[in-house]
Protein backbone atom coordinates (compact mmCIF):
# COMPACT_ATOMS: atom_id res chain seq x y z
CA UNK A 1 -55.45 -48.02 227.66
CA UNK A 2 -56.02 -48.18 223.90
CA UNK A 3 -55.33 -44.42 223.66
CA UNK A 4 -52.04 -44.85 225.51
CA UNK A 5 -50.94 -47.64 223.18
CA UNK A 6 -51.90 -45.60 220.11
CA UNK A 7 -50.11 -42.54 221.48
CA UNK A 8 -46.93 -44.57 222.12
CA UNK A 9 -47.11 -46.10 218.65
CA UNK A 10 -47.51 -42.66 217.03
CA UNK A 11 -44.62 -41.26 219.07
CA UNK A 12 -42.42 -44.16 217.96
CA UNK A 13 -43.30 -43.66 214.28
CA UNK A 14 -42.77 -39.89 214.45
CA UNK A 15 -39.49 -40.33 216.32
CA UNK A 16 -38.24 -42.77 213.69
CA UNK A 17 -39.19 -40.37 210.91
CA UNK A 18 -37.37 -37.50 212.61
CA UNK A 19 -34.22 -39.55 213.15
CA UNK A 20 -34.29 -40.83 209.58
CA UNK A 21 -34.42 -37.28 208.21
CA UNK A 22 -31.37 -35.99 210.09
CA UNK A 23 -29.02 -33.97 207.86
CA UNK A 24 -25.74 -35.53 206.79
CA UNK A 25 -22.82 -34.29 208.93
CA UNK A 26 -20.62 -31.64 207.30
CA UNK A 27 -16.99 -30.98 208.20
CA UNK A 28 -14.71 -27.93 207.92
CA UNK A 29 -11.21 -28.01 206.39
CA UNK A 30 -9.71 -28.98 209.77
CA UNK A 31 -11.97 -32.04 210.05
CA UNK A 32 -14.34 -30.70 212.74
CA UNK A 33 -18.09 -31.15 212.36
CA UNK A 34 -20.23 -28.15 211.48
CA UNK A 35 -23.54 -27.99 213.41
CA UNK A 36 -26.56 -28.29 211.12
CA UNK A 37 -30.10 -27.03 211.52
CA UNK A 38 -32.50 -29.88 212.18
CA UNK A 39 -30.08 -32.10 214.12
CA UNK A 40 -31.90 -33.96 216.89
CA UNK A 41 -30.20 -34.12 220.28
CA UNK A 42 -30.04 -37.60 221.76
CA UNK A 43 -29.93 -37.71 225.52
CA UNK A 44 -28.12 -38.72 227.65
CA UNK A 45 -25.30 -38.71 225.05
CA UNK A 46 -25.84 -34.97 224.35
CA UNK A 47 -24.93 -34.16 228.00
CA UNK A 48 -21.33 -35.31 227.40
CA UNK A 49 -18.42 -33.71 225.58
CA UNK A 50 -18.51 -33.46 221.78
CA UNK A 51 -14.87 -33.61 220.59
CA UNK A 52 -15.99 -33.72 216.95
CA UNK A 53 -16.83 -29.98 217.18
CA UNK A 54 -14.15 -27.28 217.37
CA UNK A 55 -15.83 -25.24 220.12
CA UNK A 56 -18.25 -26.15 222.85
CA UNK A 57 -19.46 -24.44 226.01
CA UNK A 58 -21.31 -25.25 229.21
CA UNK A 59 -23.28 -22.98 231.52
CA UNK A 60 -23.66 -23.36 235.27
CA UNK A 61 -26.22 -21.12 236.93
CA UNK A 62 -27.51 -20.75 240.43
CA UNK A 63 -29.03 -18.54 243.07
CA UNK A 64 -27.64 -17.49 246.42
CA UNK A 65 -29.39 -15.88 249.39
CA UNK A 66 -27.38 -13.71 251.79
CA UNK A 67 -27.94 -13.93 255.53
CA UNK A 68 -29.91 -10.66 255.48
CA UNK A 69 -32.22 -12.06 252.74
CA UNK A 70 -30.78 -10.42 249.61
CA UNK A 71 -30.90 -12.76 246.62
CA UNK A 72 -28.19 -13.07 243.98
CA UNK A 73 -27.99 -14.98 240.72
CA UNK A 74 -24.77 -16.24 239.22
CA UNK A 75 -23.57 -17.85 236.02
CA UNK A 76 -20.27 -19.47 235.05
CA UNK A 77 -19.45 -20.36 231.45
CA UNK A 78 -16.79 -22.89 230.48
CA UNK A 79 -15.46 -23.06 226.93
CA UNK A 80 -13.64 -25.91 225.22
CA UNK A 81 -11.59 -25.20 222.09
CA UNK A 82 -10.12 -28.10 220.14
CA UNK A 83 -7.34 -28.02 217.60
């Protein structure tokens, strides 16, 4: 139990340090954010749309099996362009 408490405490401290060291957002001339290396994704918010960025895309993937047993994979990509 002590190990679990120590592990949770360390995770909290490291998480706080990582969030505190996030880079300052930068913007292009049109006012859209520019993605920066080192940004930490925060879920579940990161699952939603990000209108502050000019372009964004989502992937949907899956597998299908035909009646005779042949397997197929598929992917659909959706793009969002702002501005």
